Amino acid sequence: MASGRAWIIRQHQAKAGDPALARAELSPHVLRHSRAMHLYEAGVPLPYIRDILGHVELATTDIYARASTEAKRKALEAAYTDIVAGDLPEWNQDPGLLNWLANL
């Protein structure tokens, strides 16, 4: 039997009117994980997220420290500000290259 929270989530999910949302597998755990990831990506330190989630061990909260590709890119760009020249060619304007990539 589903918890009361899960039932409430399903009720609102059904009323949302968005087909993609209607097919999504939502649960209290999914929402909790999503919120933790948003906090982490916003720069909230893991010990604070641990306290918000009520975890005893920081190791439990480490699962949320899986940095997104965007976060990794920003960190690398911040660390190496002048490693990439600003005058790179527009590879996405080369039809031959785009065709070759599409056929991989």
C-alpha atoms as a PDB file:
ATOM      1  CA  MET A   1       0.000   0.000   0.000  1.00  0.00           C
ATOM      2  CA  ALA A   2       1.330   3.433  -0.934  1.00  0.00           C
ATOM      3  CA  SER A   3       2.009   6.059   1.656  1.00  0.00           C
ATOM      4  CA  GLY A   4      -0.209   9.103   1.996  1.00  0.00           C
ATOM      5  CA  ARG A   5       2.484  11.245   0.394  1.00  0.00           C
ATOM      6  CA  ALA A   6       2.684   8.956  -2.636  1.00  0.00           C
ATOM      7  CA  TRP A   7      -1.105   9.068  -3.018  1.00  0.00           C
ATOM      8  CA  ILE A   8      -1.099  12.890  -2.908  1.00  0.00           C
ATOM      9  CA  ILE A   9       1.706  13.039  -5.490  1.00  0.00           C
ATOM     10  CA  ARG A  10      -0.219  10.707  -7.826  1.00  0.00           C
ATOM     11  CA  GLN A  11      -3.375  12.825  -7.474  1.00  0.00           C
ATOM     12  CA  HIS A  12      -1.556  16.032  -8.431  1.00  0.00           C
ATOM     13  CA  GLN A  13       0.381  14.255 -11.162  1.00  0.00           C
ATOM     14  CA  ALA A  14      -2.875  13.093 -12.749  1.00  0.00           C
ATOM     15  CA  LYS A  15      -4.360  16.613 -12.630  1.00  0.00           C
ATOM     16  CA  ALA A  16      -1.287  18.309 -14.125  1.00  0.00           C
ATOM     17  CA  GLY A  17      -2.454  17.776 -17.703  1.00  0.00           C
ATOM     18  CA  ASP A  18       1.097  17.197 -18.967  1.00  0.00           C
ATOM     19  CA  PRO A  19       1.453  13.842 -20.770  1.00  0.00           C
ATOM     20  CA  ALA A  20       5.187  13.641 -20.002  1.00  0.00           C
ATOM     21  CA  LEU A  21       4.525  14.263 -16.319  1.00  0.00           C
ATOM     22  CA  ALA A  22       1.711  11.732 -16.325  1.00  0.00           C
ATOM     23  CA  ARG A  23       4.155   9.048 -17.555  1.00  0.00           C
ATOM     24  CA  ALA A  24       6.923  10.013 -15.121  1.00  0.00           C
ATOM     25  CA  GLU A  25       7.572   7.733 -12.184  1.00  0.00           C
ATOM     26  CA  LEU A  26       7.214  10.140  -9.272  1.00  0.00           C
ATOM     27  CA  SER A  27       7.514   9.216  -5.645  1.00  0.00           C
ATOM     28  CA  PRO A  28       8.449  10.970  -2.432  1.00  0.00           C
ATOM     29  CA  HIS A  29      11.956   9.543  -2.827  1.00  0.00           C
ATOM     30  CA  VAL A  30      12.319  10.912  -6.387  1.00  0.00           C
ATOM     31  CA  LEU A  31      11.252  14.375  -5.222  1.00  0.00           C
ATOM     32  CA  ARG A  32      13.606  14.197  -2.232  1.00  0.00           C
ATOM     33  CA  HIS A  33      16.527  13.154  -4.445  1.00  0.00           C
ATOM     34  CA  SER A  34      15.721  15.868  -6.987  1.00  0.00           C
ATOM     35  CA  ARG A  35      15.625  18.558  -4.296  1.00  0.00           C
ATOM     36  CA  ALA A  36      18.918  17.368  -2.839  1.00  0.00           C
ATOM     37  CA  MET A  37      20.536  17.546  -6.284  1.00  0.00           C
ATOM     38  CA  HIS A  38      19.197  21.068  -6.824  1.00  0.00           C
ATOM     39  CA  LEU A  39      20.634  22.144  -3.477  1.00  0.00           C
ATOM     40  CA  TYR A  40      23.985  20.574  -4.302  1.00  0.00           C
ATOM     41  CA  GLU A  41      24.129  22.158  -7.745  1.00  0.00           C
ATOM     42  CA  ALA A  42      23.270  25.521  -6.169  1.00  0.00           C
ATOM     43  CA  GLY A  43      26.416  25.222  -4.069  1.00  0.00           C
ATOM     44  CA  VAL A  44      24.944  24.115  -0.743  1.00  0.00           C
ATOM     45  CA  PRO A  45      27.649  22.137   1.113  1.00  0.00           C
ATOM     46  CA  LEU A  46      27.001  18.419   1.637  1.00  0.00           C
ATOM     47  CA  PRO A  47      26.955  18.647   5.451  1.00  0.00           C
ATOM     48  CA  TYR A  48      24.029  21.089   5.201  1.00  0.00           C
ATOM     49  CA  ILE A  49      22.200  18.810   2.777  1.00  0.00           C
ATOM     50  CA  ARG A  50      22.863  15.893   5.160  1.00  0.00           C
ATOM     51  CA  ASP A  51      21.208  17.856   7.962  1.00  0.00           C
ATOM     52  CA  ILE A  52      18.253  18.887   5.792  1.00  0.00           C
ATOM     53  CA  LEU A  53      17.673  15.275   4.724  1.00  0.00           C
ATOM     54  CA  GLY A  54      18.157  13.970   8.249  1.00  0.00           C
ATOM     55  CA  HIS A  55      21.001  11.608   7.388  1.00  0.00           C
ATOM     56  CA  VAL A  56      23.264  10.516  10.238  1.00  0.00           C
ATOM     57  CA  GLU A  57      26.326   9.804   8.113  1.00  0.00           C
ATOM     58  CA  LEU A  58      27.752  12.126   5.482  1.00  0.00           C
ATOM     59  CA  ALA A  59      28.535   9.019   3.417  1.00  0.00           C
ATOM     60  CA  THR A  60      24.781   8.516   2.962  1.00  0.00           C
ATOM     61  CA  THR A  61      24.497  11.995   1.485  1.00  0.00           C
ATOM     62  CA  ASP A  62      27.464  11.417  -0.849  1.00  0.00           C
ATOM     63  CA  ILE A  63      25.137   9.809  -3.387  1.00  0.00           C
ATOM     64  CA  TYR A  64      23.838  13.314  -4.127  1.00  0.00           C
ATOM     65  CA  ALA A  65      27.352  14.552  -4.865  1.00  0.00           C
ATOM     66  CA  ARG A  66      27.275  13.143  -8.367  1.00  0.00           C
ATOM     67  CA  ALA A  67      28.010  16.418 -10.096  1.00  0.00           C
ATOM     68  CA  SER A  68      26.180  17.099 -13.301  1.00  0.00           C
ATOM     69  CA  THR A  69      28.038  17.569 -16.550  1.00  0.00           C
ATOM     70  CA  GLU A  70      27.173  21.260 -16.413  1.00  0.00           C
ATOM     71  CA  ALA A  71      28.652  21.601 -12.911  1.00  0.00           C
ATOM     72  CA  LYS A  72      31.823  19.847 -14.039  1.00  0.00           C
ATOM     73  CA  ARG A  73      32.110  22.108 -17.088  1.00  0.00           C
ATOM     74  CA  LYS A  74      31.694  25.249 -14.968  1.00  0.00           C
ATOM     75  CA  ALA A  75      34.288  24.035 -12.464  1.00  0.00           C
ATOM     76  CA  LEU A  76      36.811  23.335 -15.206  1.00  0.00           C
ATOM     77  CA  GLU A  77      36.153  26.669 -16.890  1.00  0.00           C
ATOM     78  CA  ALA A  78      36.637  28.469 -13.577  1.00  0.00           C
ATOM     79  CA  ALA A  79      39.911  26.664 -12.930  1.00  0.00           C
ATOM     80  CA  TYR A  80      41.307  27.123 -16.433  1.00  0.00           C
ATOM     81  CA  THR A  81      40.023  30.484 -17.582  1.00  0.00           C
ATOM     82  CA  ASP A  82      42.409  30.985 -20.507  1.00  0.00           C
ATOM     83  CA  ILE A  83      42.969  27.425 -21.696  1.00  0.00           C
ATOM     84  CA  VAL A  84      40.461  27.595 -24.566  1.00  0.00           C
ATOM     85  CA  ALA A  85      40.840  30.297 -27.171  1.00  0.00           C
ATOM     86  CA  GLY A  86      37.763  32.390 -27.868  1.00  0.00           C
ATOM     87  CA  ASP A  87      38.236  32.169 -31.636  1.00  0.00           C
ATOM     88  CA  LEU A  88      37.383  28.503 -32.130  1.00  0.00           C
ATOM     89  CA  PRO A  89      35.812  27.624 -35.500  1.00  0.00           C
ATOM     90  CA  GLU A  90      32.090  27.072 -35.600  1.00  0.00           C
ATOM     91  CA  TRP A  91      32.097  23.298 -36.071  1.00  0.00           C
ATOM     92  CA  ASN A  92      28.318  23.241 -36.114  1.00  0.00           C
ATOM     93  CA  GLN A  93      28.376  25.317 -39.322  1.00  0.00           C
ATOM     94  CA  ASP A  94      30.308  22.650 -41.285  1.00  0.00           C
ATOM     95  CA  PRO A  95      27.734  20.541 -43.202  1.00  0.00           C
ATOM     96  CA  GLY A  96      30.304  17.863 -44.072  1.00  0.00           C
ATOM     97  CA  LEU A  97      31.306  17.393 -40.430  1.00  0.00           C
ATOM     98  CA  LEU A  98      27.692  17.388 -39.253  1.00  0.00           C
ATOM     99  CA  ASN A  99      26.790  14.762 -41.854  1.00  0.00           C
ATOM    100  CA  TRP A 100      29.773  12.624 -40.842  1.00  0.00           C
ATOM    101  CA  LEU A 101      28.822  12.889 -37.141  1.00  0.00           C
ATOM    102  CA  ALA A 102      25.178  12.055 -37.893  1.00  0.00           C
ATOM    103  CA  ASN A 103      26.273   8.871 -39.655  1.00  0.00           C
ATOM    104  CA  LEU A 104      28.457   7.526 -36.851  1.00  0.00           C
END
